[in-house]
Every structure is written in structure tokens, then in C-alpha cells.
Amino acid sequence: MNILNFLMTYWDSVLIVVAAAIAVVVLFKRGEVSFLKEILFRLVTKAEQEFGCGTGELKKAAVVEWIYDKLPAILRFIITRKEIDNLIDEIVVYAKTKWAANAKLKEYVSGETTTST
């Protein structure tokens, strides 16, 4: 009975939350994941800087853990681990081109500092 009272009292808020959740699911399933890709790019860059070269599986596991910490609980049920793995693989390819093209990013990722005289 308490649930019915809650729904009757806050029906408009419940409707908005349900509509937002449905919108997120539809956008994700249609490929509208630009926000998630931005977060993944930052996390992949952080992992590369933190763990260095030759630690691919460790970096991927860290990024998966970090992304799940940042995802809202409802999205954790919707976005599968396989989808996250595929997105990470895609972002790694994208990130490598960005790191190679941008000297500041390359310096950040490698942890090296260059001094100009």
C-alpha cells in the first residue's frame, strides 16, 4: 500500500525518471554514446599514464572498474560488459591517434617532460 501512496503522490517525478531512463537506453542502443566515449577517452589516457606500456590487460581492467564507478546504477544493468569492452577497444585506437598528433597529450601520457631552450 505504501508503494501505491508513493506513486500517487509523486507520479510526475516517477514519470520523469522513467522517461529519462528510457531515453538513455534508446540513445545508447542507437549508438549515441558520445558522452560515454569522452569519459572513456579520459580514463584510457589516465590508465596509459598511470600504468605505462605493456600492461594492456591491467589498463583495460582498471578502465572497466573506473567506468562502472562513474556509471549511474541503472546504466550498469543496461550496458553489458561486452559493450564496454568494445567501446574501450574503439577508444584505445582513437586515443593513440590523438596522443600521436598532440605533443602535450603525448607528453602527459608518457610522463616525460620536454624542455625547450
PDB file of N, CA and C in Angstrom:
ATOM      1  N   MET A   1       0.810  -1.191   0.000  1.00  0.00           N
ATOM      2  CA  MET A   1       0.000   0.000   0.000  1.00  0.00           C
ATOM      3  C   MET A   1       0.859   1.264   0.000  1.00  0.00           C
ATOM      4  N   ASN A   2       2.012   1.202   0.670  1.00  0.00           N
ATOM      5  CA  ASN A   2       2.898   2.357   0.701  1.00  0.00           C
ATOM      6  C   ASN A   2       3.413   2.706  -0.687  1.00  0.00           C
ATOM      7  N   ILE A   3       3.646   1.699  -1.488  1.00  0.00           N
ATOM      8  CA  ILE A   3       4.129   1.946  -2.851  1.00  0.00           C
ATOM      9  C   ILE A   3       3.062   2.683  -3.658  1.00  0.00           C
ATOM     10  N   LEU A   4       1.817   2.277  -3.524  1.00  0.00           N
ATOM     11  CA  LEU A   4       0.735   2.960  -4.239  1.00  0.00           C
ATOM     12  C   LEU A   4       0.589   4.405  -3.788  1.00  0.00           C
ATOM     13  N   ASN A   5       0.699   4.645  -2.498  1.00  0.00           N
ATOM     14  CA  ASN A   5       0.636   6.014  -1.995  1.00  0.00           C
ATOM     15  C   ASN A   5       1.793   6.849  -2.541  1.00  0.00           C
ATOM     16  N   PHE A   6       2.975   6.251  -2.563  1.00  0.00           N
ATOM     17  CA  PHE A   6       4.136   6.943  -3.105  1.00  0.00           C
ATOM     18  C   PHE A   6       3.919   7.303  -4.571  1.00  0.00           C
ATOM     19  N   LEU A   7       3.457   6.327  -5.356  1.00  0.00           N
ATOM     20  CA  LEU A   7       3.219   6.560  -6.785  1.00  0.00           C
ATOM     21  C   LEU A   7       2.139   7.612  -7.015  1.00  0.00           C
ATOM     22  N   MET A   8       1.103   7.572  -6.195  1.00  0.00           N
ATOM     23  CA  MET A   8       0.022   8.558  -6.339  1.00  0.00           C
ATOM     24  C   MET A   8       0.514   9.959  -5.981  1.00  0.00           C
ATOM     25  N   THR A   9       1.371  10.051  -4.985  1.00  0.00           N
ATOM     26  CA  THR A   9       1.864  11.352  -4.541  1.00  0.00           C
ATOM     27  C   THR A   9       2.899  11.919  -5.504  1.00  0.00           C
ATOM     28  N   TYR A  10       3.813  11.065  -5.963  1.00  0.00           N
ATOM     29  CA  TYR A  10       4.932  11.533  -6.781  1.00  0.00           C
ATOM     30  C   TYR A  10       4.883  10.995  -8.205  1.00  0.00           C
ATOM     31  N   TRP A  11       3.702  10.854  -8.770  1.00  0.00           N
ATOM     32  CA  TRP A  11       3.562  10.260 -10.094  1.00  0.00           C
ATOM     33  C   TRP A  11       4.328  11.042 -11.149  1.00  0.00           C
ATOM     34  N   ASP A  12       4.363  12.374 -11.033  1.00  0.00           N
ATOM     35  CA  ASP A  12       5.051  13.172 -12.039  1.00  0.00           C
ATOM     36  C   ASP A  12       6.566  12.958 -11.984  1.00  0.00           C
ATOM     37  N   SER A  13       7.131  12.866 -10.802  1.00  0.00           N
ATOM     38  CA  SER A  13       8.566  12.626 -10.666  1.00  0.00           C
ATOM     39  C   SER A  13       8.929  11.226 -11.156  1.00  0.00           C
ATOM     40  N   VAL A  14       8.109  10.255 -10.822  1.00  0.00           N
ATOM     41  CA  VAL A  14       8.347   8.885 -11.268  1.00  0.00           C
ATOM     42  C   VAL A  14       8.289   8.820 -12.789  1.00  0.00           C
ATOM     43  N   LEU A  15       7.353   9.501 -13.376  1.00  0.00           N
ATOM     44  CA  LEU A  15       7.218   9.527 -14.828  1.00  0.00           C
ATOM     45  C   LEU A  15       8.452  10.133 -15.492  1.00  0.00           C
ATOM     46  N   ILE A  16       8.979  11.199 -14.922  1.00  0.00           N
ATOM     47  CA  ILE A  16      10.167  11.843 -15.483  1.00  0.00           C
ATOM     48  C   ILE A  16      11.374  10.915 -15.394  1.00  0.00           C
ATOM     49  N   VAL A  17      11.554  10.260 -14.261  1.00  0.00           N
ATOM     50  CA  VAL A  17      12.688   9.342 -14.093  1.00  0.00           C
ATOM     51  C   VAL A  17      12.580   8.173 -15.069  1.00  0.00           C
ATOM     52  N   VAL A  18      11.404   7.618 -15.219  1.00  0.00           N
ATOM     53  CA  VAL A  18      11.208   6.502 -16.146  1.00  0.00           C
ATOM     54  C   VAL A  18      11.464   6.956 -17.586  1.00  0.00           C
ATOM     55  N   ALA A  19      10.966   8.134 -17.945  1.00  0.00           N
ATOM     56  CA  ALA A  19      11.180   8.650 -19.298  1.00  0.00           C
ATOM     57  C   ALA A  19      12.662   8.902 -19.560  1.00  0.00           C
ATOM     58  N   ALA A  20      13.371   9.441 -18.583  1.00  0.00           N
ATOM     59  CA  ALA A  20      14.804   9.682 -18.742  1.00  0.00           C
ATOM     60  C   ALA A  20      15.564   8.368 -18.906  1.00  0.00           C
ATOM     61  N   ALA A  21      15.205   7.374 -18.120  1.00  0.00           N
ATOM     62  CA  ALA A  21      15.862   6.070 -18.225  1.00  0.00           C
ATOM     63  C   ALA A  21      15.610   5.443 -19.593  1.00  0.00           C
ATOM     64  N   ILE A  22      14.395   5.541 -20.073  1.00  0.00           N
ATOM     65  CA  ILE A  22      14.076   5.004 -21.400  1.00  0.00           C
ATOM     66  C   ILE A  22      14.846   5.753 -22.479  1.00  0.00           C
ATOM     67  N   ALA A  23      14.942   7.072 -22.343  1.00  0.00           N
ATOM     68  CA  ALA A  23      15.686   7.872 -23.324  1.00  0.00           C
ATOM     69  C   ALA A  23      17.157   7.463 -23.352  1.00  0.00           C
ATOM     70  N   VAL A  24      17.749   7.250 -22.191  1.00  0.00           N
ATOM     71  CA  VAL A  24      19.148   6.837 -22.130  1.00  0.00           C
ATOM     72  C   VAL A  24      19.334   5.486 -22.800  1.00  0.00           C
ATOM     73  N   VAL A  25      18.442   4.562 -22.528  1.00  0.00           N
ATOM     74  CA  VAL A  25      18.538   3.228 -23.133  1.00  0.00           C
ATOM     75  C   VAL A  25      18.420   3.319 -24.651  1.00  0.00           C
ATOM     76  N   VAL A  26      17.443   4.062 -25.135  1.00  0.00           N
ATOM     77  CA  VAL A  26      17.229   4.188 -26.577  1.00  0.00           C
ATOM     78  C   VAL A  26      18.434   4.844 -27.238  1.00  0.00           C
ATOM     79  N   LEU A  27      18.937   5.930 -26.655  1.00  0.00           N
ATOM     80  CA  LEU A  27      20.097   6.606 -27.234  1.00  0.00           C
ATOM     81  C   LEU A  27      21.321   5.704 -27.236  1.00  0.00           C
ATOM     82  N   PHE A  28      21.536   4.977 -26.158  1.00  0.00           N
ATOM     83  CA  PHE A  28      22.691   4.085 -26.104  1.00  0.00           C
ATOM     84  C   PHE A  28      22.580   2.987 -27.144  1.00  0.00           C
ATOM     85  N   LYS A  29      21.433   2.374 -27.227  1.00  0.00           N
ATOM     86  CA  LYS A  29      21.255   1.277 -28.170  1.00  0.00           C
ATOM     87  C   LYS A  29      21.320   1.744 -29.620  1.00  0.00           C
ATOM     88  N   ARG A  30      21.023   3.018 -29.852  1.00  0.00           N
ATOM     89  CA  ARG A  30      21.111   3.562 -31.214  1.00  0.00           C
ATOM     90  C   ARG A  30      22.511   4.067 -31.537  1.00  0.00           C
ATOM     91  N   GLY A  31      23.405   4.007 -30.573  1.00  0.00           N
ATOM     92  CA  GLY A  31      24.784   4.408 -30.839  1.00  0.00           C
ATOM     93  C   GLY A  31      25.132   5.799 -30.379  1.00  0.00           C
ATOM     94  N   GLU A  32      24.273   6.469 -29.665  1.00  0.00           N
ATOM     95  CA  GLU A  32      24.536   7.817 -29.183  1.00  0.00           C
ATOM     96  C   GLU A  32      25.277   7.730 -27.851  1.00  0.00           C
ATOM     97  N   VAL A  33      26.552   7.434 -27.916  1.00  0.00           N
ATOM     98  CA  VAL A  33      27.333   7.226 -26.712  1.00  0.00           C
ATOM     99  C   VAL A  33      28.502   8.205 -26.623  1.00  0.00           C
ATOM    100  N   SER A  34      28.347   9.388 -27.187  1.00  0.00           N
ATOM    101  CA  SER A  34      29.459  10.335 -27.222  1.00  0.00           C
ATOM    102  C   SER A  34      29.915  10.730 -25.817  1.00  0.00           C
ATOM    103  N   PHE A  35      28.985  10.901 -24.891  1.00  0.00           N
ATOM    104  CA  PHE A  35      29.354  11.264 -23.522  1.00  0.00           C
ATOM    105  C   PHE A  35      30.169  10.143 -22.879  1.00  0.00           C
ATOM    106  N   LEU A  36      29.727   8.921 -23.059  1.00  0.00           N
ATOM    107  CA  LEU A  36      30.446   7.773 -22.510  1.00  0.00           C
ATOM    108  C   LEU A  36      31.824   7.658 -23.160  1.00  0.00           C
ATOM    109  N   LYS A  37      31.913   7.945 -24.439  1.00  0.00           N
ATOM    110  CA  LYS A  37      33.199   7.885 -25.134  1.00  0.00           C
ATOM    111  C   LYS A  37      34.166   8.945 -24.606  1.00  0.00           C
ATOM    112  N   GLU A  38      33.654  10.131 -24.274  1.00  0.00           N
ATOM    113  CA  GLU A  38      34.502  11.174 -23.698  1.00  0.00           C
ATOM    114  C   GLU A  38      35.068  10.723 -22.351  1.00  0.00           C
ATOM    115  N   ILE A  39      34.229  10.130 -21.539  1.00  0.00           N
ATOM    116  CA  ILE A  39      34.682   9.629 -20.241  1.00  0.00           C
ATOM    117  C   ILE A  39      35.714   8.525 -20.452  1.00  0.00           C
ATOM    118  N   LEU A  40      35.434   7.616 -21.375  1.00  0.00           N
ATOM    119  CA  LEU A  40      36.371   6.524 -21.643  1.00  0.00           C
ATOM    120  C   LEU A  40      37.709   7.037 -22.166  1.00  0.00           C
ATOM    121  N   PHE A  41      37.691   8.073 -22.996  1.00  0.00           N
ATOM    122  CA  PHE A  41      38.951   8.646 -23.500  1.00  0.00           C
ATOM    123  C   PHE A  41      39.797   9.148 -22.337  1.00  0.00           C
ATOM    124  N   ARG A  42      39.165   9.859 -21.420  1.00  0.00           N
ATOM    125  CA  ARG A  42      39.901  10.360 -20.252  1.00  0.00           C
ATOM    126  C   ARG A  42      40.440   9.217 -19.397  1.00  0.00           C
ATOM    127  N   LEU A  43      39.624   8.192 -19.204  1.00  0.00           N
ATOM    128  CA  LEU A  43      40.055   7.073 -18.371  1.00  0.00           C
ATOM    129  C   LEU A  43      41.165   6.260 -19.032  1.00  0.00           C
ATOM    130  N   VAL A  44      41.071   6.068 -20.352  1.00  0.00           N
ATOM    131  CA  VAL A  44      42.121   5.350 -21.076  1.00  0.00           C
ATOM    132  C   VAL A  44      43.428   6.138 -21.014  1.00  0.00           C
ATOM    133  N   THR A  45      43.344   7.448 -21.170  1.00  0.00           N
ATOM    134  CA  THR A  45      44.531   8.297 -21.079  1.00  0.00           C
ATOM    135  C   THR A  45      45.133   8.230 -19.680  1.00  0.00           C
ATOM    136  N   LYS A  46      44.286   8.271 -18.667  1.00  0.00           N
ATOM    137  CA  LYS A  46      44.749   8.166 -17.283  1.00  0.00           C
ATOM    138  C   LYS A  46      45.433   6.820 -17.039  1.00  0.00           C
ATOM    139  N   ALA A  47      44.828   5.747 -17.542  1.00  0.00           N
ATOM    140  CA  ALA A  47      45.405   4.410 -17.360  1.00  0.00           C
ATOM    141  C   ALA A  47      46.744   4.293 -18.066  1.00  0.00           C
ATOM    142  N   GLU A  48      46.839   4.848 -19.254  1.00  0.00           N
ATOM    143  CA  GLU A  48      48.102   4.794 -20.006  1.00  0.00           C
ATOM    144  C   GLU A  48      49.193   5.538 -19.242  1.00  0.00           C
ATOM    145  N   GLN A  49      48.855   6.675 -18.691  1.00  0.00           N
ATOM    146  CA  GLN A  49      49.831   7.466 -17.944  1.00  0.00           C
ATOM    147  C   GLN A  49      50.202   6.775 -16.636  1.00  0.00           C
ATOM    148  N   GLU A  50      49.232   6.163 -16.011  1.00  0.00           N
ATOM    149  CA  GLU A  50      49.454   5.546 -14.706  1.00  0.00           C
ATOM    150  C   GLU A  50      50.206   4.220 -14.794  1.00  0.00           C
ATOM    151  N   PHE A  51      49.860   3.370 -15.775  1.00  0.00           N
ATOM    152  CA  PHE A  51      50.425   2.029 -15.837  1.00  0.00           C
ATOM    153  C   PHE A  51      51.519   1.854 -16.886  1.00  0.00           C
ATOM    154  N   GLY A  52      51.587   2.739 -17.883  1.00  0.00           N
ATOM    155  CA  GLY A  52      52.638   2.667 -18.888  1.00  0.00           C
ATOM    156  C   GLY A  52      52.401   1.603 -19.952  1.00  0.00           C
ATOM    157  N   CYS A  53      53.421   1.397 -20.777  1.00  0.00           N
ATOM    158  CA  CYS A  53      53.339   0.465 -21.905  1.00  0.00           C
ATOM    159  C   CYS A  53      53.430  -0.986 -21.440  1.00  0.00           C
ATOM    160  N   GLY A  54      52.847  -1.871 -22.236  1.00  0.00           N
ATOM    161  CA  GLY A  54      52.970  -3.298 -21.995  1.00  0.00           C
ATOM    162  C   GLY A  54      52.061  -3.852 -20.915  1.00  0.00           C
ATOM    163  N   THR A  55      51.100  -3.074 -20.485  1.00  0.00           N
ATOM    164  CA  THR A  55      50.193  -3.522 -19.419  1.00  0.00           C
ATOM    165  C   THR A  55      48.744  -3.427 -19.883  1.00  0.00           C
ATOM    166  N   GLY A  56      48.501  -3.852 -21.096  1.00  0.00           N
ATOM    167  CA  GLY A  56      47.186  -3.687 -21.723  1.00  0.00           C
ATOM    168  C   GLY A  56      46.024  -4.251 -20.932  1.00  0.00           C
ATOM    169  N   GLU A  57      46.157  -5.488 -20.479  1.00  0.00           N
ATOM    170  CA  GLU A  57      45.059  -6.121 -19.734  1.00  0.00           C
ATOM    171  C   GLU A  57      44.817  -5.417 -18.404  1.00  0.00           C
ATOM    172  N   LEU A  58      45.885  -5.011 -17.739  1.00  0.00           N
ATOM    173  CA  LEU A  58      45.760  -4.285 -16.475  1.00  0.00           C
ATOM    174  C   LEU A  58      45.063  -2.939 -16.690  1.00  0.00           C
ATOM    175  N   LYS A  59      45.472  -2.237 -17.745  1.00  0.00           N
ATOM    176  CA  LYS A  59      44.848  -0.945 -18.047  1.00  0.00           C
ATOM    177  C   LYS A  59      43.374  -1.111 -18.384  1.00  0.00           C
ATOM    178  N   LYS A  60      43.061  -2.124 -19.177  1.00  0.00           N
ATOM    179  CA  LYS A  60      41.662  -2.344 -19.561  1.00  0.00           C
ATOM    180  C   LYS A  60      40.818  -2.675 -18.337  1.00  0.00           C
ATOM    181  N   ALA A  61      41.327  -3.515 -17.462  1.00  0.00           N
ATOM    182  CA  ALA A  61      40.592  -3.862 -16.241  1.00  0.00           C
ATOM    183  C   ALA A  61      40.379  -2.627 -15.365  1.00  0.00           C
ATOM    184  N   ALA A  62      41.395  -1.787 -15.283  1.00  0.00           N
ATOM    185  CA  ALA A  62      41.270  -0.560 -14.481  1.00  0.00           C
ATOM    186  C   ALA A  62      40.219   0.367 -15.077  1.00  0.00           C
ATOM    187  N   VAL A  63      40.213   0.512 -16.400  1.00  0.00           N
ATOM    188  CA  VAL A  63      39.235   1.390 -17.053  1.00  0.00           C
ATOM    189  C   VAL A  63      37.822   0.850 -16.848  1.00  0.00           C
ATOM    190  N   VAL A  64      37.650  -0.457 -16.966  1.00  0.00           N
ATOM    191  CA  VAL A  64      36.323  -1.046 -16.741  1.00  0.00           C
ATOM    192  C   VAL A  64      35.864  -0.759 -15.316  1.00  0.00           C
ATOM    193  N   GLU A  65      36.748  -0.934 -14.360  1.00  0.00           N
ATOM    194  CA  GLU A  65      36.399  -0.658 -12.961  1.00  0.00           C
ATOM    195  C   GLU A  65      36.056   0.814 -12.763  1.00  0.00           C
ATOM    196  N   TRP A  66      36.869   1.700 -13.329  1.00  0.00           N
ATOM    197  CA  TRP A  66      36.633   3.135 -13.182  1.00  0.00           C
ATOM    198  C   TRP A  66      35.326   3.557 -13.836  1.00  0.00           C
ATOM    199  N   ILE A  67      35.018   3.010 -15.013  1.00  0.00           N
ATOM    200  CA  ILE A  67      33.792   3.416 -15.705  1.00  0.00           C
ATOM    201  C   ILE A  67      32.572   2.934 -14.941  1.00  0.00           C
ATOM    202  N   TYR A  68      32.629   1.754 -14.393  1.00  0.00           N
ATOM    203  CA  TYR A  68      31.487   1.269 -13.620  1.00  0.00           C
ATOM    204  C   TYR A  68      31.274   2.090 -12.354  1.00  0.00           C
ATOM    205  N   ASP A  69      32.353   2.648 -11.805  1.00  0.00           N
ATOM    206  CA  ASP A  69      32.206   3.543 -10.651  1.00  0.00           C
ATOM    207  C   ASP A  69      31.493   4.832 -11.041  1.00  0.00           C
ATOM    208  N   LYS A  70      31.665   5.261 -12.274  1.00  0.00           N
ATOM    209  CA  LYS A  70      31.089   6.526 -12.727  1.00  0.00           C
ATOM    210  C   LYS A  70      29.688   6.387 -13.318  1.00  0.00           C
ATOM    211  N   LEU A  71      29.335   5.191 -13.762  1.00  0.00           N
ATOM    212  CA  LEU A  71      28.020   4.981 -14.374  1.00  0.00           C
ATOM    213  C   LEU A  71      26.918   4.985 -13.321  1.00  0.00           C
ATOM    214  N   PRO A  72      25.799   5.616 -13.626  1.00  0.00           N
ATOM    215  CA  PRO A  72      24.642   5.501 -12.729  1.00  0.00           C
ATOM    216  C   PRO A  72      24.207   4.042 -12.625  1.00  0.00           C
ATOM    217  N   ALA A  73      23.652   3.692 -11.502  1.00  0.00           N
ATOM    218  CA  ALA A  73      23.292   2.292 -11.226  1.00  0.00           C
ATOM    219  C   ALA A  73      22.391   1.703 -12.300  1.00  0.00           C
ATOM    220  N   ILE A  74      21.449   2.482 -12.791  1.00  0.00           N
ATOM    221  CA  ILE A  74      20.512   1.947 -13.784  1.00  0.00           C
ATOM    222  C   ILE A  74      21.231   1.584 -15.080  1.00  0.00           C
ATOM    223  N   LEU A  75      22.274   2.339 -15.432  1.00  0.00           N
ATOM    224  CA  LEU A  75      23.002   2.044 -16.668  1.00  0.00           C
ATOM    225  C   LEU A  75      23.852   0.787 -16.546  1.00  0.00           C
ATOM    226  N   ARG A  76      24.228   0.432 -15.334  1.00  0.00           N
ATOM    227  CA  ARG A  76      25.019  -0.788 -15.140  1.00  0.00           C
ATOM    228  C   ARG A  76      24.229  -2.026 -15.532  1.00  0.00           C
ATOM    229  N   PHE A  77      22.904  -1.939 -15.430  1.00  0.00           N
ATOM    230  CA  PHE A  77      22.068  -3.071 -15.829  1.00  0.00           C
ATOM    231  C   PHE A  77      21.848  -3.101 -17.336  1.00  0.00           C
ATOM    232  N   ILE A  78      21.966  -1.960 -17.968  1.00  0.00           N
ATOM    233  CA  ILE A  78      21.647  -1.836 -19.388  1.00  0.00           C
ATOM    234  C   ILE A  78      22.873  -2.065 -20.267  1.00  0.00           C
ATOM    235  N   ILE A  79      24.010  -1.505 -19.862  1.00  0.00           N
ATOM    236  CA  ILE A  79      25.230  -1.595 -20.648  1.00  0.00           C
ATOM    237  C   ILE A  79      25.987  -2.850 -20.226  1.00  0.00           C
ATOM    238  N   THR A  80      26.176  -3.752 -21.158  1.00  0.00           N
ATOM    239  CA  THR A  80      26.853  -5.010 -20.835  1.00  0.00           C
ATOM    240  C   THR A  80      28.363  -4.818 -20.802  1.00  0.00           C
ATOM    241  N   ARG A  81      29.027  -5.748 -20.161  1.00  0.00           N
ATOM    242  CA  ARG A  81      30.487  -5.711 -20.095  1.00  0.00           C
ATOM    243  C   ARG A  81      31.087  -5.816 -21.500  1.00  0.00           C
ATOM    244  N   LYS A  82      30.466  -6.617 -22.347  1.00  0.00           N
ATOM    245  CA  LYS A  82      30.953  -6.776 -23.721  1.00  0.00           C
ATOM    246  C   LYS A  82      30.887  -5.438 -24.463  1.00  0.00           C
ATOM    247  N   GLU A  83      29.801  -4.703 -24.261  1.00  0.00           N
ATOM    248  CA  GLU A  83      29.680  -3.382 -24.904  1.00  0.00           C
ATOM    249  C   GLU A  83      30.749  -2.423 -24.392  1.00  0.00           C
ATOM    250  N   ILE A  84      31.015  -2.462 -23.095  1.00  0.00           N
ATOM    251  CA  ILE A  84      32.073  -1.622 -22.519  1.00  0.00           C
ATOM    252  C   ILE A  84      33.429  -2.032 -23.090  1.00  0.00           C
ATOM    253  N   ASP A  85      33.694  -3.323 -23.175  1.00  0.00           N
ATOM    254  CA  ASP A  85      34.956  -3.806 -23.749  1.00  0.00           C
ATOM    255  C   ASP A  85      35.131  -3.332 -25.188  1.00  0.00           C
ATOM    256  N   ASN A  86      34.073  -3.427 -25.974  1.00  0.00           N
ATOM    257  CA  ASN A  86      34.132  -2.975 -27.368  1.00  0.00           C
ATOM    258  C   ASN A  86      34.379  -1.473 -27.458  1.00  0.00           C
ATOM    259  N   LEU A  87      33.708  -0.708 -26.595  1.00  0.00           N
ATOM    260  CA  LEU A  87      33.921   0.744 -26.585  1.00  0.00           C
ATOM    261  C   LEU A  87      35.352   1.088 -26.181  1.00  0.00           C
ATOM    262  N   ILE A  88      35.889   0.375 -25.202  1.00  0.00           N
ATOM    263  CA  ILE A  88      37.272   0.634 -24.773  1.00  0.00           C
ATOM    264  C   ILE A  88      38.234   0.340 -25.915  1.00  0.00           C
ATOM    265  N   ASP A  89      38.043  -0.772 -26.613  1.00  0.00           N
ATOM    266  CA  ASP A  89      38.908  -1.093 -27.752  1.00  0.00           C
ATOM    267  C   ASP A  89      38.850   0.005 -28.810  1.00  0.00           C
ATOM    268  N   GLU A  90      37.655   0.486 -29.070  1.00  0.00           N
ATOM    269  CA  GLU A  90      37.472   1.567 -30.047  1.00  0.00           C
ATOM    270  C   GLU A  90      38.156   2.853 -29.579  1.00  0.00           C
ATOM    271  N   ILE A  91      38.019   3.164 -28.311  1.00  0.00           N
ATOM    272  CA  ILE A  91      38.603   4.391 -27.763  1.00  0.00           C
ATOM    273  C   ILE A  91      40.130   4.307 -27.730  1.00  0.00           C
ATOM    274  N   VAL A  92      40.687   3.136 -27.488  1.00  0.00           N
ATOM    275  CA  VAL A  92      42.143   2.989 -27.470  1.00  0.00           C
ATOM    276  C   VAL A  92      42.722   3.335 -28.842  1.00  0.00           C
ATOM    277  N   VAL A  93      42.095   2.869 -29.895  1.00  0.00           N
ATOM    278  CA  VAL A  93      42.551   3.190 -31.258  1.00  0.00           C
ATOM    279  C   VAL A  93      42.463   4.700 -31.490  1.00  0.00           C
ATOM    280  N   TYR A  94      41.344   5.288 -31.101  1.00  0.00           N
ATOM    281  CA  TYR A  94      41.153   6.741 -31.241  1.00  0.00           C
ATOM    282  C   TYR A  94      42.185   7.498 -30.400  1.00  0.00           C
ATOM    283  N   ALA A  95      42.396   7.054 -29.157  1.00  0.00           N
ATOM    284  CA  ALA A  95      43.311   7.744 -28.251  1.00  0.00           C
ATOM    285  C   ALA A  95      44.736   7.725 -28.781  1.00  0.00           C
ATOM    286  N   LYS A  96      45.158   6.600 -29.338  1.00  0.00           N
ATOM    287  CA  LYS A  96      46.521   6.510 -29.861  1.00  0.00           C
ATOM    288  C   LYS A  96      46.759   7.518 -30.974  1.00  0.00           C
ATOM    289  N   THR A  97      45.760   7.751 -31.823  1.00  0.00           N
ATOM    290  CA  THR A  97      45.926   8.752 -32.876  1.00  0.00           C
ATOM    291  C   THR A  97      45.970  10.160 -32.280  1.00  0.00           C
ATOM    292  N   LYS A  98      45.161  10.397 -31.259  1.00  0.00           N
ATOM    293  CA  LYS A  98      45.164  11.711 -30.604  1.00  0.00           C
ATOM    294  C   LYS A  98      46.485  11.952 -29.888  1.00  0.00           C
ATOM    295  N   TRP A  99      47.005  10.936 -29.191  1.00  0.00           N
ATOM    296  CA  TRP A  99      48.261  11.083 -28.470  1.00  0.00           C
ATOM    297  C   TRP A  99      49.410  11.366 -29.433  1.00  0.00           C
ATOM    298  N   ALA A 100      49.388  10.689 -30.581  1.00  0.00           N
ATOM    299  CA  ALA A 100      50.460  10.876 -31.560  1.00  0.00           C
ATOM    300  C   ALA A 100      50.403  12.260 -32.201  1.00  0.00           C
ATOM    301  N   ALA A 101      49.199  12.804 -32.355  1.00  0.00           N
ATOM    302  CA  ALA A 101      49.029  14.081 -33.041  1.00  0.00           C
ATOM    303  C   ALA A 101      49.212  15.288 -32.125  1.00  0.00           C
ATOM    304  N   ASN A 102      49.106  15.101 -30.821  1.00  0.00           N
ATOM    305  CA  ASN A 102      49.145  16.221 -29.889  1.00  0.00           C
ATOM    306  C   ASN A 102      50.341  16.053 -28.955  1.00  0.00           C
ATOM    307  N   ALA A 103      51.310  16.961 -29.051  1.00  0.00           N
ATOM    308  CA  ALA A 103      52.540  16.856 -28.264  1.00  0.00           C
ATOM    309  C   ALA A 103      52.273  16.922 -26.763  1.00  0.00           C
ATOM    310  N   LYS A 104      51.330  17.750 -26.358  1.00  0.00           N
ATOM    311  CA  LYS A 104      51.012  17.871 -24.926  1.00  0.00           C
ATOM    312  C   LYS A 104      50.419  16.570 -24.382  1.00  0.00           C
ATOM    313  N   LEU A 105      49.507  15.968 -25.135  1.00  0.00           N
ATOM    314  CA  LEU A 105      48.936  14.693 -24.707  1.00  0.00           C
ATOM    315  C   LEU A 105      50.000  13.602 -24.677  1.00  0.00           C
ATOM    316  N   LYS A 106      50.851  13.592 -25.689  1.00  0.00           N
ATOM    317  CA  LYS A 106      51.921  12.595 -25.750  1.00  0.00           C
ATOM    318  C   LYS A 106      52.832  12.736 -24.540  1.00  0.00           C
ATOM    319  N   GLU A 107      53.152  13.974 -24.181  1.00  0.00           N
ATOM    320  CA  GLU A 107      53.995  14.239 -23.013  1.00  0.00           C
ATOM    321  C   GLU A 107      53.294  13.786 -21.733  1.00  0.00           C
ATOM    322  N   TYR A 108      52.005  14.066 -21.625  1.00  0.00           N
ATOM    323  CA  TYR A 108      51.240  13.676 -20.440  1.00  0.00           C
ATOM    324  C   TYR A 108      51.178  12.162 -20.297  1.00  0.00           C
ATOM    325  N   VAL A 109      50.903  11.485 -21.406  1.00  0.00           N
ATOM    326  CA  VAL A 109      50.754  10.035 -21.376  1.00  0.00           C
ATOM    327  C   VAL A 109      52.081   9.355 -21.056  1.00  0.00           C
ATOM    328  N   SER A 110      53.149   9.842 -21.660  1.00  0.00           N
ATOM    329  CA  SER A 110      54.452   9.187 -21.454  1.00  0.00           C
ATOM    330  C   SER A 110      55.078   9.583 -20.128  1.00  0.00           C
ATOM    331  N   GLY A 111      54.623  10.689 -19.550  1.00  0.00           N
ATOM    332  CA  GLY A 111      55.198  11.146 -18.286  1.00  0.00           C
ATOM    333  C   GLY A 111      56.528  11.852 -18.449  1.00  0.00           C
ATOM    334  N   GLU A 112      56.898  12.089 -19.700  1.00  0.00           N
ATOM    335  CA  GLU A 112      58.167  12.769 -19.967  1.00  0.00           C
ATOM    336  C   GLU A 112      57.911  14.250 -20.074  1.00  0.00           C
ATOM    337  N   THR A 113      58.894  15.012 -19.686  1.00  0.00           N
ATOM    338  CA  THR A 113      58.804  16.454 -19.855  1.00  0.00           C
ATOM    339  C   THR A 113      59.886  16.884 -20.818  1.00  0.00           C
ATOM    340  N   THR A 114      59.507  17.746 -21.716  1.00  0.00           N
ATOM    341  CA  THR A 114      60.472  18.252 -22.677  1.00  0.00           C
ATOM    342  C   THR A 114      60.722  19.707 -22.349  1.00  0.00           C
ATOM    343  N   THR A 115      61.979  20.090 -22.402  1.00  0.00           N
ATOM    344  CA  THR A 115      62.321  21.485 -22.153  1.00  0.00           C
ATOM    345  C   THR A 115      62.871  22.076 -23.424  1.00  0.00           C
ATOM    346  N   SER A 116      62.409  23.235 -23.748  1.00  0.00           N
ATOM    347  CA  SER A 116      62.903  23.905 -24.943  1.00  0.00           C
ATOM    348  C   SER A 116      63.858  25.008 -24.506  1.00  0.00           C
ATOM    349  N   THR A 117      64.974  25.112 -25.219  1.00  0.00           N
ATOM    350  CA  THR A 117      65.964  26.128 -24.886  1.00  0.00           C
ATOM    351  C   THR A 117      66.104  27.123 -25.973  1.00  0.00           C
TER     352      THR A 117
END
